[in-house]
N, C-alpha and C. Protein backbone atom coordinates (compact mmCIF):
# COMPACT_ATOMS: atom_id res chain seq x y z
N ASN A 1 24.17 105.06 117.74
CA ASN A 1 24.40 106.16 118.67
C ASN A 1 23.09 106.56 119.32
N LEU A 2 23.05 106.58 120.65
CA LEU A 2 21.83 106.92 121.35
C LEU A 2 21.41 108.35 121.07
N GLN A 3 22.37 109.24 120.72
CA GLN A 3 22.04 110.63 120.48
C GLN A 3 21.19 110.83 119.24
N GLU A 4 21.16 109.86 118.34
CA GLU A 4 20.40 109.96 117.12
C GLU A 4 18.91 109.69 117.34
N LEU A 5 18.54 109.18 118.51
CA LEU A 5 17.16 108.86 118.81
C LEU A 5 16.43 110.07 119.35
N ASP A 6 15.14 110.21 118.97
CA ASP A 6 14.34 111.34 119.44
C ASP A 6 14.08 111.24 120.94
N ASP A 7 13.80 110.04 121.43
CA ASP A 7 13.53 109.83 122.85
C ASP A 7 14.73 109.17 123.50
N LYS A 8 15.00 109.54 124.73
CA LYS A 8 16.12 108.95 125.44
C LYS A 8 15.84 107.49 125.77
N ILE A 9 16.89 106.68 125.67
CA ILE A 9 16.83 105.30 126.12
C ILE A 9 16.89 105.30 127.64
N ARG A 10 15.92 104.67 128.28
CA ARG A 10 15.90 104.58 129.74
C ARG A 10 16.56 103.29 130.19
N ILE A 11 17.61 103.43 130.97
CA ILE A 11 18.35 102.27 131.47
C ILE A 11 18.19 102.20 132.98
N ALA A 12 17.69 101.07 133.46
CA ALA A 12 17.53 100.85 134.90
C ALA A 12 18.87 100.43 135.49
N VAL A 13 19.38 101.20 136.44
CA VAL A 13 20.66 100.94 137.07
C VAL A 13 20.41 100.51 138.51
N ALA A 14 20.77 99.27 138.85
CA ALA A 14 20.58 98.78 140.21
C ALA A 14 21.51 99.52 141.16
N TRP A 15 20.93 100.11 142.22
CA TRP A 15 21.74 100.90 143.14
C TRP A 15 21.13 100.79 144.54
N ASP A 16 21.80 100.07 145.40
CA ASP A 16 21.40 99.96 146.80
C ASP A 16 22.57 99.37 147.58
N LYS A 17 22.33 98.85 148.78
CA LYS A 17 23.42 98.33 149.58
C LYS A 17 24.02 97.06 149.02
N ALA A 18 23.32 96.38 148.11
CA ALA A 18 23.84 95.16 147.48
C ALA A 18 24.60 95.45 146.20
N PHE A 19 24.24 96.52 145.50
CA PHE A 19 24.84 96.85 144.20
C PHE A 19 25.22 98.33 144.21
N ASN A 20 26.49 98.60 144.31
CA ASN A 20 26.90 100.01 144.36
C ASN A 20 28.31 100.26 143.82
N PHE A 21 28.92 99.24 143.20
CA PHE A 21 30.22 99.47 142.59
C PHE A 21 30.06 99.72 141.10
N TYR A 22 30.26 100.96 140.71
CA TYR A 22 30.23 101.37 139.30
C TYR A 22 31.36 102.36 139.08
N TYR A 23 31.96 102.32 137.90
CA TYR A 23 32.82 103.42 137.50
C TYR A 23 31.92 104.60 137.14
N GLN A 24 32.12 105.72 137.79
CA GLN A 24 31.31 106.89 137.48
C GLN A 24 31.46 107.28 136.01
N ASP A 25 32.66 107.07 135.46
CA ASP A 25 32.88 107.38 134.05
C ASP A 25 31.93 106.59 133.15
N ASN A 26 31.64 105.34 133.50
CA ASN A 26 30.73 104.54 132.68
C ASN A 26 29.32 105.12 132.70
N LEU A 27 28.87 105.54 133.88
CA LEU A 27 27.54 106.15 133.97
C LEU A 27 27.51 107.47 133.22
N ASP A 28 28.58 108.25 133.35
CA ASP A 28 28.65 109.52 132.63
C ASP A 28 28.62 109.29 131.13
N LEU A 29 29.34 108.25 130.67
CA LEU A 29 29.39 107.96 129.24
C LEU A 29 28.01 107.60 128.71
N LEU A 30 27.27 106.80 129.43
CA LEU A 30 25.91 106.46 129.00
C LEU A 30 25.05 107.71 128.87
N GLN A 31 25.19 108.62 129.82
CA GLN A 31 24.40 109.85 129.76
C GLN A 31 24.86 110.75 128.62
N GLU A 32 26.16 110.80 128.38
CA GLU A 32 26.67 111.61 127.27
C GLU A 32 26.18 111.07 125.92
N LEU A 33 25.98 109.76 125.85
CA LEU A 33 25.46 109.16 124.62
C LEU A 33 23.95 109.34 124.48
N GLY A 34 23.32 109.89 125.50
CA GLY A 34 21.91 110.21 125.40
C GLY A 34 20.98 109.34 126.23
N ALA A 35 21.54 108.48 127.07
CA ALA A 35 20.69 107.61 127.88
C ALA A 35 20.17 108.35 129.11
N GLU A 36 19.00 107.95 129.56
CA GLU A 36 18.46 108.40 130.84
C GLU A 36 18.65 107.26 131.84
N LEU A 37 19.39 107.51 132.90
CA LEU A 37 19.65 106.48 133.91
C LEU A 37 18.60 106.58 135.01
N VAL A 38 17.97 105.44 135.28
CA VAL A 38 16.93 105.38 136.31
C VAL A 38 17.45 104.45 137.41
N PHE A 39 17.77 105.01 138.56
CA PHE A 39 18.32 104.23 139.66
C PHE A 39 17.19 103.60 140.47
N TRP A 40 17.40 102.34 140.85
CA TRP A 40 16.36 101.61 141.58
C TRP A 40 17.03 100.56 142.46
N SER A 41 16.26 99.92 143.32
CA SER A 41 16.80 98.95 144.26
C SER A 41 16.16 97.58 144.10
N PRO A 42 16.95 96.54 143.76
CA PRO A 42 16.41 95.17 143.74
C PRO A 42 16.00 94.67 145.12
N ILE A 43 16.43 95.34 146.18
CA ILE A 43 16.03 94.97 147.53
C ILE A 43 14.75 95.69 147.95
N ASN A 44 14.70 97.00 147.75
CA ASN A 44 13.65 97.81 148.35
C ASN A 44 12.47 98.11 147.45
N ASN A 45 12.67 98.13 146.14
CA ASN A 45 11.56 98.43 145.24
C ASN A 45 10.74 97.18 144.96
N ASP A 46 9.43 97.36 144.79
CA ASP A 46 8.57 96.21 144.53
C ASP A 46 8.31 95.99 143.04
N GLN A 47 8.93 96.82 142.21
CA GLN A 47 8.84 96.61 140.78
C GLN A 47 9.97 97.34 140.06
N LEU A 48 10.22 96.93 138.83
CA LEU A 48 11.19 97.61 138.00
C LEU A 48 10.69 98.99 137.60
N PRO A 49 11.59 99.91 137.27
CA PRO A 49 11.14 101.19 136.71
C PRO A 49 10.35 100.97 135.42
N ASN A 50 9.44 101.89 135.15
CA ASN A 50 8.60 101.78 133.95
C ASN A 50 9.36 102.18 132.69
N ASN A 51 8.94 101.61 131.57
CA ASN A 51 9.40 102.04 130.24
C ASN A 51 10.91 102.04 130.10
N ILE A 52 11.55 100.95 130.51
CA ILE A 52 13.00 100.87 130.37
C ILE A 52 13.35 100.05 129.13
N GLN A 53 14.51 100.38 128.56
CA GLN A 53 14.99 99.68 127.38
C GLN A 53 16.32 98.98 127.62
N GLY A 54 16.80 98.98 128.87
CA GLY A 54 18.05 98.31 129.20
C GLY A 54 18.20 98.24 130.71
N MET A 55 19.06 97.31 131.17
CA MET A 55 19.35 97.18 132.60
C MET A 55 20.85 97.05 132.81
N TYR A 56 21.30 97.57 133.95
CA TYR A 56 22.72 97.53 134.32
C TYR A 56 22.81 97.16 135.79
N PHE A 57 23.42 96.00 136.06
CA PHE A 57 23.66 95.54 137.43
C PHE A 57 25.16 95.58 137.68
N GLY A 58 25.59 96.46 138.57
CA GLY A 58 27.00 96.60 138.86
C GLY A 58 27.46 95.64 139.94
N GLY A 59 28.66 95.89 140.44
CA GLY A 59 29.22 95.06 141.48
C GLY A 59 28.71 95.46 142.85
N GLY A 60 29.13 94.71 143.84
CA GLY A 60 28.71 94.99 145.20
C GLY A 60 28.84 93.75 146.06
N PHE A 61 27.90 93.58 146.97
CA PHE A 61 27.94 92.46 147.91
C PHE A 61 26.58 91.77 148.01
N PRO A 62 26.10 91.19 146.91
CA PRO A 62 24.78 90.53 146.97
C PRO A 62 24.77 89.34 147.92
N GLU A 63 25.95 88.74 148.16
CA GLU A 63 26.00 87.60 149.08
C GLU A 63 25.66 88.02 150.51
N VAL A 64 25.99 89.26 150.88
CA VAL A 64 25.69 89.76 152.22
C VAL A 64 24.20 89.99 152.41
N PHE A 65 23.53 90.35 151.32
CA PHE A 65 22.11 90.70 151.38
C PHE A 65 21.26 89.71 150.59
N ALA A 66 21.77 88.48 150.45
CA ALA A 66 21.10 87.47 149.62
C ALA A 66 19.70 87.16 150.13
N GLN A 67 19.52 87.11 151.44
CA GLN A 67 18.20 86.80 151.99
C GLN A 67 17.18 87.86 151.60
N GLU A 68 17.58 89.13 151.65
CA GLU A 68 16.68 90.22 151.26
C GLU A 68 16.41 90.21 149.77
N LEU A 69 17.43 89.90 148.97
CA LEU A 69 17.22 89.82 147.53
C LEU A 69 16.26 88.69 147.19
N GLU A 70 16.45 87.51 147.81
CA GLU A 70 15.57 86.38 147.55
C GLU A 70 14.14 86.69 147.95
N ALA A 71 13.97 87.44 149.05
CA ALA A 71 12.63 87.73 149.56
C ALA A 71 11.82 88.60 148.61
N ASN A 72 12.51 89.37 147.76
CA ASN A 72 11.79 90.25 146.82
C ASN A 72 11.45 89.45 145.56
N ILE A 73 10.57 88.48 145.75
CA ILE A 73 10.24 87.53 144.68
C ILE A 73 9.64 88.23 143.47
N GLN A 74 8.81 89.22 143.71
CA GLN A 74 8.15 89.91 142.61
C GLN A 74 9.16 90.55 141.67
N VAL A 75 10.17 91.19 142.23
CA VAL A 75 11.19 91.82 141.40
C VAL A 75 12.04 90.78 140.68
N ILE A 76 12.38 89.70 141.37
CA ILE A 76 13.15 88.62 140.73
C ILE A 76 12.42 88.11 139.50
N HIS A 77 11.11 87.89 139.61
CA HIS A 77 10.33 87.41 138.46
C HIS A 77 10.29 88.46 137.36
N GLN A 78 10.15 89.73 137.73
CA GLN A 78 10.12 90.79 136.73
C GLN A 78 11.43 90.88 135.97
N VAL A 79 12.54 90.81 136.71
CA VAL A 79 13.85 90.88 136.06
C VAL A 79 14.02 89.72 135.10
N LYS A 80 13.68 88.52 135.53
CA LYS A 80 13.82 87.35 134.66
C LYS A 80 12.95 87.48 133.42
N ASN A 81 11.71 87.89 133.59
CA ASN A 81 10.79 87.96 132.46
C ASN A 81 11.20 89.04 131.46
N ILE A 82 11.69 90.17 131.96
CA ILE A 82 12.05 91.24 131.03
C ILE A 82 13.33 90.89 130.27
N ILE A 83 14.23 90.14 130.92
CA ILE A 83 15.41 89.67 130.20
C ILE A 83 15.00 88.67 129.12
N LEU A 84 14.12 87.76 129.47
CA LEU A 84 13.64 86.77 128.49
C LEU A 84 12.90 87.44 127.33
N SER A 85 12.35 88.61 127.57
CA SER A 85 11.65 89.33 126.50
C SER A 85 12.61 89.98 125.53
N GLY A 86 13.92 90.06 125.92
CA GLY A 86 14.92 90.57 124.99
C GLY A 86 15.59 91.86 125.37
N ILE A 87 15.35 92.38 126.56
CA ILE A 87 15.95 93.66 126.93
C ILE A 87 17.45 93.48 127.17
N PRO A 88 18.30 94.35 126.60
CA PRO A 88 19.75 94.25 126.82
C PRO A 88 20.10 94.47 128.29
N THR A 89 20.97 93.60 128.81
CA THR A 89 21.30 93.64 130.23
C THR A 89 22.80 93.42 130.43
N ILE A 90 23.42 94.32 131.18
CA ILE A 90 24.82 94.21 131.55
C ILE A 90 24.90 93.87 133.04
N ALA A 91 25.69 92.85 133.37
CA ALA A 91 25.83 92.44 134.77
C ALA A 91 27.30 92.21 135.06
N GLU A 92 27.84 92.94 136.04
CA GLU A 92 29.25 92.84 136.39
C GLU A 92 29.40 92.29 137.80
N CYS A 93 30.14 91.22 137.94
CA CYS A 93 30.54 90.66 139.23
C CYS A 93 29.31 90.40 140.12
N GLY A 94 29.00 91.27 141.07
CA GLY A 94 27.82 91.06 141.89
C GLY A 94 26.55 90.96 141.07
N GLY A 95 26.49 91.71 139.99
CA GLY A 95 25.34 91.62 139.09
C GLY A 95 25.24 90.26 138.43
N LEU A 96 26.39 89.72 138.01
CA LEU A 96 26.42 88.36 137.47
C LEU A 96 25.88 87.37 138.49
N MET A 97 26.30 87.49 139.75
CA MET A 97 25.86 86.58 140.80
C MET A 97 24.34 86.64 140.96
N TYR A 98 23.79 87.85 140.88
CA TYR A 98 22.34 88.04 141.02
C TYR A 98 21.57 87.35 139.90
N LEU A 99 22.14 87.29 138.71
CA LEU A 99 21.45 86.66 137.57
C LEU A 99 21.59 85.15 137.57
N CYS A 100 22.42 84.59 138.47
CA CYS A 100 22.56 83.13 138.56
C CYS A 100 21.32 82.51 139.20
N GLU A 101 21.31 81.18 139.20
CA GLU A 101 20.19 80.47 139.81
C GLU A 101 20.16 80.68 141.32
N SER A 102 21.33 80.75 141.93
CA SER A 102 21.39 80.97 143.37
C SER A 102 22.75 81.51 143.76
N ILE A 103 22.79 82.10 144.96
CA ILE A 103 24.04 82.46 145.62
C ILE A 103 24.16 81.57 146.85
N ILE A 104 25.28 80.90 146.97
CA ILE A 104 25.54 80.03 148.12
C ILE A 104 26.51 80.77 149.03
N ASP A 105 26.06 81.12 150.23
CA ASP A 105 26.85 82.00 151.08
C ASP A 105 27.97 81.25 151.80
N PHE A 106 28.70 81.96 152.65
CA PHE A 106 29.85 81.37 153.34
C PHE A 106 29.45 80.25 154.30
N ASP A 107 28.18 80.21 154.70
CA ASP A 107 27.68 79.13 155.55
C ASP A 107 27.08 77.98 154.74
N ASN A 108 27.32 78.01 153.44
CA ASN A 108 26.82 76.98 152.51
C ASN A 108 25.30 76.99 152.40
N GLN A 109 24.70 78.14 152.70
CA GLN A 109 23.25 78.31 152.57
C GLN A 109 22.92 78.88 151.19
N PRO A 110 22.08 78.18 150.40
CA PRO A 110 21.73 78.70 149.09
C PRO A 110 20.56 79.68 149.17
N TRP A 111 20.63 80.72 148.35
CA TRP A 111 19.56 81.71 148.25
C TRP A 111 19.19 81.84 146.78
N SER A 112 17.93 81.72 146.46
CA SER A 112 17.47 81.75 145.08
C SER A 112 17.58 83.14 144.48
N MET A 113 18.07 83.20 143.24
CA MET A 113 18.22 84.46 142.54
C MET A 113 17.42 84.42 141.23
N VAL A 114 17.83 85.18 140.23
CA VAL A 114 17.02 85.38 139.03
C VAL A 114 16.95 84.12 138.16
N GLY A 115 18.08 83.42 137.98
CA GLY A 115 18.05 82.17 137.24
C GLY A 115 18.23 82.28 135.74
N ILE A 116 18.70 83.42 135.25
CA ILE A 116 18.97 83.55 133.81
C ILE A 116 20.25 82.82 133.44
N ILE A 117 21.26 82.88 134.31
CA ILE A 117 22.53 82.18 134.07
C ILE A 117 22.45 80.81 134.75
N PRO A 118 22.61 79.73 133.99
CA PRO A 118 22.34 78.38 134.51
C PRO A 118 23.46 77.81 135.37
N THR A 119 23.76 78.48 136.45
CA THR A 119 24.74 78.01 137.42
C THR A 119 24.52 78.77 138.72
N SER A 120 25.27 78.40 139.75
CA SER A 120 25.20 79.09 141.03
C SER A 120 26.54 79.74 141.35
N ALA A 121 26.48 80.81 142.11
CA ALA A 121 27.69 81.49 142.57
C ALA A 121 27.93 81.09 144.02
N LYS A 122 29.06 80.45 144.27
CA LYS A 122 29.37 79.95 145.61
C LYS A 122 30.49 80.77 146.23
N MET A 123 30.26 81.24 147.45
CA MET A 123 31.26 82.03 148.14
C MET A 123 32.41 81.13 148.60
N ASP A 124 33.62 81.72 148.59
CA ASP A 124 34.82 81.00 148.96
C ASP A 124 35.75 81.99 149.67
N LYS A 125 36.57 81.49 150.55
CA LYS A 125 37.51 82.38 151.23
C LYS A 125 38.60 82.89 150.30
N LYS A 126 38.84 82.16 149.21
CA LYS A 126 39.88 82.56 148.26
C LYS A 126 39.47 83.83 147.53
N LEU A 127 40.37 84.77 147.48
CA LEU A 127 40.12 86.03 146.78
C LEU A 127 40.71 85.96 145.37
N THR A 128 39.88 86.21 144.37
CA THR A 128 40.34 86.36 143.00
C THR A 128 40.54 87.84 142.74
N LEU A 129 41.76 88.23 142.45
CA LEU A 129 42.10 89.64 142.35
C LEU A 129 43.15 89.84 141.27
N GLY A 130 42.94 90.82 140.40
CA GLY A 130 43.96 91.14 139.41
C GLY A 130 43.40 91.86 138.21
N TYR A 131 44.31 92.53 137.50
CA TYR A 131 43.94 93.19 136.25
C TYR A 131 43.96 92.16 135.13
N ARG A 132 43.10 92.37 134.16
CA ARG A 132 42.94 91.41 133.07
C ARG A 132 42.97 92.11 131.71
N ARG A 133 43.55 91.37 130.75
CA ARG A 133 43.31 91.66 129.33
C ARG A 133 42.41 90.56 128.83
N ALA A 134 41.32 90.92 128.21
CA ALA A 134 40.35 89.93 127.77
C ALA A 134 40.10 90.09 126.28
N VAL A 135 40.21 88.99 125.55
CA VAL A 135 39.96 88.99 124.11
C VAL A 135 38.50 88.60 123.89
N VAL A 136 37.76 89.45 123.23
CA VAL A 136 36.34 89.20 122.97
C VAL A 136 36.22 88.06 121.96
N LEU A 137 35.50 87.02 122.32
CA LEU A 137 35.42 85.82 121.47
C LEU A 137 34.45 85.99 120.31
N GLU A 138 33.30 86.60 120.55
CA GLU A 138 32.30 86.79 119.51
C GLU A 138 31.64 88.15 119.70
N ASN A 139 30.98 88.61 118.65
CA ASN A 139 30.26 89.87 118.75
C ASN A 139 29.20 89.78 119.84
N SER A 140 29.05 90.88 120.57
CA SER A 140 27.93 91.03 121.50
C SER A 140 27.40 92.44 121.33
N PHE A 141 26.35 92.78 122.05
CA PHE A 141 25.82 94.14 121.91
C PHE A 141 26.75 95.17 122.53
N LEU A 142 27.77 94.71 123.28
CA LEU A 142 28.70 95.64 123.93
C LEU A 142 30.06 95.68 123.27
N HIS A 143 30.50 94.55 122.65
CA HIS A 143 31.86 94.48 122.10
C HIS A 143 31.85 93.76 120.76
N ARG A 144 32.91 94.04 119.99
CA ARG A 144 33.12 93.33 118.73
C ARG A 144 34.11 92.19 118.93
N GLY A 145 33.85 91.09 118.27
CA GLY A 145 34.72 89.93 118.38
C GLY A 145 36.15 90.24 117.96
N GLY A 146 37.11 89.66 118.68
CA GLY A 146 38.52 89.83 118.36
C GLY A 146 39.20 91.00 119.03
N LYS A 147 38.44 91.88 119.65
CA LYS A 147 39.03 93.06 120.28
C LYS A 147 39.50 92.76 121.70
N ASN A 148 40.43 93.57 122.17
CA ASN A 148 40.90 93.49 123.54
C ASN A 148 40.11 94.45 124.42
N ILE A 149 39.71 93.99 125.60
CA ILE A 149 39.18 94.90 126.60
C ILE A 149 40.01 94.71 127.86
N TYR A 150 39.96 95.69 128.74
CA TYR A 150 40.78 95.66 129.94
C TYR A 150 39.91 95.94 131.17
N GLY A 151 40.24 95.28 132.27
CA GLY A 151 39.46 95.49 133.48
C GLY A 151 40.11 94.77 134.64
N HIS A 152 39.35 94.62 135.72
CA HIS A 152 39.90 93.94 136.89
C HIS A 152 38.85 93.02 137.51
N GLU A 153 39.35 92.01 138.21
CA GLU A 153 38.51 91.11 138.98
C GLU A 153 38.80 91.30 140.46
N PHE A 154 37.73 91.26 141.25
CA PHE A 154 37.87 91.33 142.71
C PHE A 154 36.64 90.63 143.29
N HIS A 155 36.77 89.35 143.61
CA HIS A 155 35.61 88.62 144.13
C HIS A 155 36.05 87.40 144.91
N ARG A 156 35.18 86.97 145.81
CA ARG A 156 35.41 85.77 146.62
C ARG A 156 34.40 84.68 146.29
N SER A 157 33.77 84.76 145.17
CA SER A 157 32.86 83.70 144.73
C SER A 157 33.38 83.09 143.44
N CYS A 158 32.87 81.92 143.14
CA CYS A 158 33.15 81.29 141.86
C CYS A 158 31.88 80.60 141.41
N LEU A 159 31.79 80.34 140.12
CA LEU A 159 30.60 79.69 139.59
C LEU A 159 30.75 78.18 139.67
N ASN A 160 29.65 77.50 139.95
CA ASN A 160 29.69 76.05 140.14
C ASN A 160 29.91 75.28 138.84
N SER A 161 29.68 75.92 137.72
CA SER A 161 29.93 75.27 136.43
C SER A 161 30.56 76.25 135.47
N GLU A 162 31.37 75.73 134.56
CA GLU A 162 32.04 76.59 133.60
C GLU A 162 31.06 77.16 132.59
N THR A 163 31.38 78.33 132.09
CA THR A 163 30.51 78.95 131.11
C THR A 163 30.44 78.13 129.83
N THR A 164 29.26 78.04 129.29
CA THR A 164 29.06 77.37 128.00
C THR A 164 28.94 78.38 126.86
N TYR A 165 28.84 79.66 127.20
CA TYR A 165 28.77 80.74 126.21
C TYR A 165 29.72 81.85 126.64
N PRO A 166 31.04 81.61 126.59
CA PRO A 166 31.99 82.58 127.14
C PRO A 166 32.04 83.87 126.35
N LEU A 167 32.28 84.94 127.08
CA LEU A 167 32.51 86.25 126.47
C LEU A 167 33.96 86.43 126.05
N PHE A 168 34.88 86.00 126.93
CA PHE A 168 36.28 86.37 126.79
C PHE A 168 37.21 85.17 126.94
N ASN A 169 38.36 85.28 126.29
CA ASN A 169 39.53 84.50 126.66
C ASN A 169 40.42 85.46 127.43
N THR A 170 40.69 85.17 128.70
CA THR A 170 41.30 86.17 129.57
C THR A 170 42.77 85.85 129.86
N PHE A 171 43.54 86.93 130.07
CA PHE A 171 44.95 86.85 130.35
C PHE A 171 45.28 87.84 131.47
N ARG A 172 46.35 87.54 132.20
CA ARG A 172 46.85 88.54 133.13
C ARG A 172 47.25 89.79 132.36
N TYR A 173 47.06 90.92 132.99
CA TYR A 173 47.33 92.19 132.31
C TYR A 173 48.81 92.36 132.00
N ASP A 174 49.69 91.86 132.90
CA ASP A 174 51.11 92.15 132.79
C ASP A 174 51.92 91.07 132.10
N CYS A 175 51.25 90.02 131.62
CA CYS A 175 51.97 88.95 130.93
C CYS A 175 50.97 88.14 130.12
N GLU A 176 51.46 87.09 129.49
CA GLU A 176 50.59 86.29 128.62
C GLU A 176 50.02 85.06 129.32
N GLU A 177 50.05 85.04 130.65
CA GLU A 177 49.47 83.90 131.37
C GLU A 177 47.96 83.84 131.13
N ASN A 178 47.51 82.72 130.60
CA ASN A 178 46.10 82.57 130.28
C ASN A 178 45.30 82.23 131.52
N MET A 179 44.20 82.98 131.73
CA MET A 179 43.34 82.78 132.88
C MET A 179 42.05 82.03 132.53
N GLY A 180 41.91 81.66 131.24
CA GLY A 180 40.76 80.85 130.83
C GLY A 180 39.60 81.65 130.29
N TRP A 181 38.57 80.90 129.89
CA TRP A 181 37.35 81.52 129.39
C TRP A 181 36.57 82.13 130.54
N GLU A 182 35.86 83.23 130.24
CA GLU A 182 35.16 83.94 131.30
C GLU A 182 33.94 84.62 130.73
N GLY A 183 32.92 84.76 131.59
CA GLY A 183 31.72 85.51 131.23
C GLY A 183 30.67 84.67 130.53
N TRP A 184 29.49 85.24 130.45
CA TRP A 184 28.35 84.61 129.78
C TRP A 184 27.83 85.55 128.71
N ASN A 185 27.90 85.11 127.46
CA ASN A 185 27.43 85.89 126.31
C ASN A 185 26.12 85.28 125.84
N LEU A 186 25.04 85.65 126.51
CA LEU A 186 23.71 85.19 126.13
C LEU A 186 23.12 86.18 125.13
N PRO A 187 22.03 85.84 124.44
CA PRO A 187 21.55 86.69 123.34
C PRO A 187 21.43 88.17 123.66
N ASN A 188 20.98 88.52 124.83
CA ASN A 188 20.85 89.94 125.19
C ASN A 188 21.42 90.22 126.59
N VAL A 189 22.33 89.33 127.03
CA VAL A 189 22.94 89.48 128.36
C VAL A 189 24.45 89.45 128.24
N HIS A 190 25.10 90.45 128.81
CA HIS A 190 26.55 90.52 128.91
C HIS A 190 26.88 90.43 130.40
N ALA A 191 27.32 89.26 130.86
CA ALA A 191 27.56 89.04 132.28
C ALA A 191 28.98 88.55 132.50
N SER A 192 29.72 89.19 133.42
CA SER A 192 31.13 88.89 133.60
C SER A 192 31.58 89.29 134.99
N TYR A 193 32.59 88.60 135.50
CA TYR A 193 33.23 89.02 136.75
C TYR A 193 34.11 90.23 136.53
N ILE A 194 34.48 90.52 135.30
CA ILE A 194 35.43 91.59 135.02
C ILE A 194 34.74 92.95 135.05
N HIS A 195 35.27 93.84 135.89
CA HIS A 195 34.81 95.24 135.91
C HIS A 195 35.54 95.98 134.80
N GLN A 196 34.78 96.58 133.90
CA GLN A 196 35.38 97.27 132.75
C GLN A 196 35.19 98.77 132.85
N HIS A 197 36.23 99.49 132.49
CA HIS A 197 36.11 100.92 132.25
C HIS A 197 35.94 101.07 130.75
N TRP A 198 34.74 101.50 130.33
CA TRP A 198 34.42 101.45 128.91
C TRP A 198 35.22 102.44 128.07
N GLY A 199 35.87 103.38 128.72
CA GLY A 199 36.70 104.31 127.97
C GLY A 199 38.08 103.77 127.66
N TYR A 200 38.42 102.60 128.22
CA TYR A 200 39.77 102.04 128.04
C TYR A 200 39.65 100.71 127.34
N ARG A 201 39.91 100.72 126.04
CA ARG A 201 39.77 99.51 125.25
C ARG A 201 40.55 99.65 123.96
N ASP A 202 40.69 98.57 123.24
CA ASP A 202 41.39 98.56 121.95
C ASP A 202 40.38 98.91 120.86
N TRP A 203 40.47 100.16 120.38
CA TRP A 203 39.49 100.62 119.39
C TRP A 203 39.94 100.33 117.97
N GLU A 204 41.15 99.89 117.78
CA GLU A 204 41.66 99.72 116.41
C GLU A 204 41.17 98.41 115.79
């Protein structure tokens, strides 16, 4: 529990024109647990916030601003290095795309990104949309193995290679149709296309 700590945990929350889809309830929950949220821009800031103990990259449209994201090389290197140092990082949809090796836009132009996730996110005209029930495959810093979580997907990109460290076995919300393995469960990275409302989950 973050409330048991004397000093607040500082979490860097990416917030700009590329990353701006968050459930407000999730941000409120982090603050209620005792976290200090530090908002910053992967496009406009030349460095990460100081003294952070976690990062949160939400959804948005990084493909639209991929050239500007790529141009901020200093921040890309900082993000990669701090993740490699072990800082817990949550990345949802657009955030997942940012942590990939590259984003390939609708014109088939690749733009270099952070490179923590060993694949590229390629834009496609096909829209992936729907509510999901996802079974957590193994323990992570965010979920316990075997539990159900619920969320939704809304994206026009797909990854060029299948995950080798999946977070979830996913199903349609309204039936048992299997949607396959999803997400990347790296040692300190929780990255997924699924947008989760952290207050809605199977706690039993």
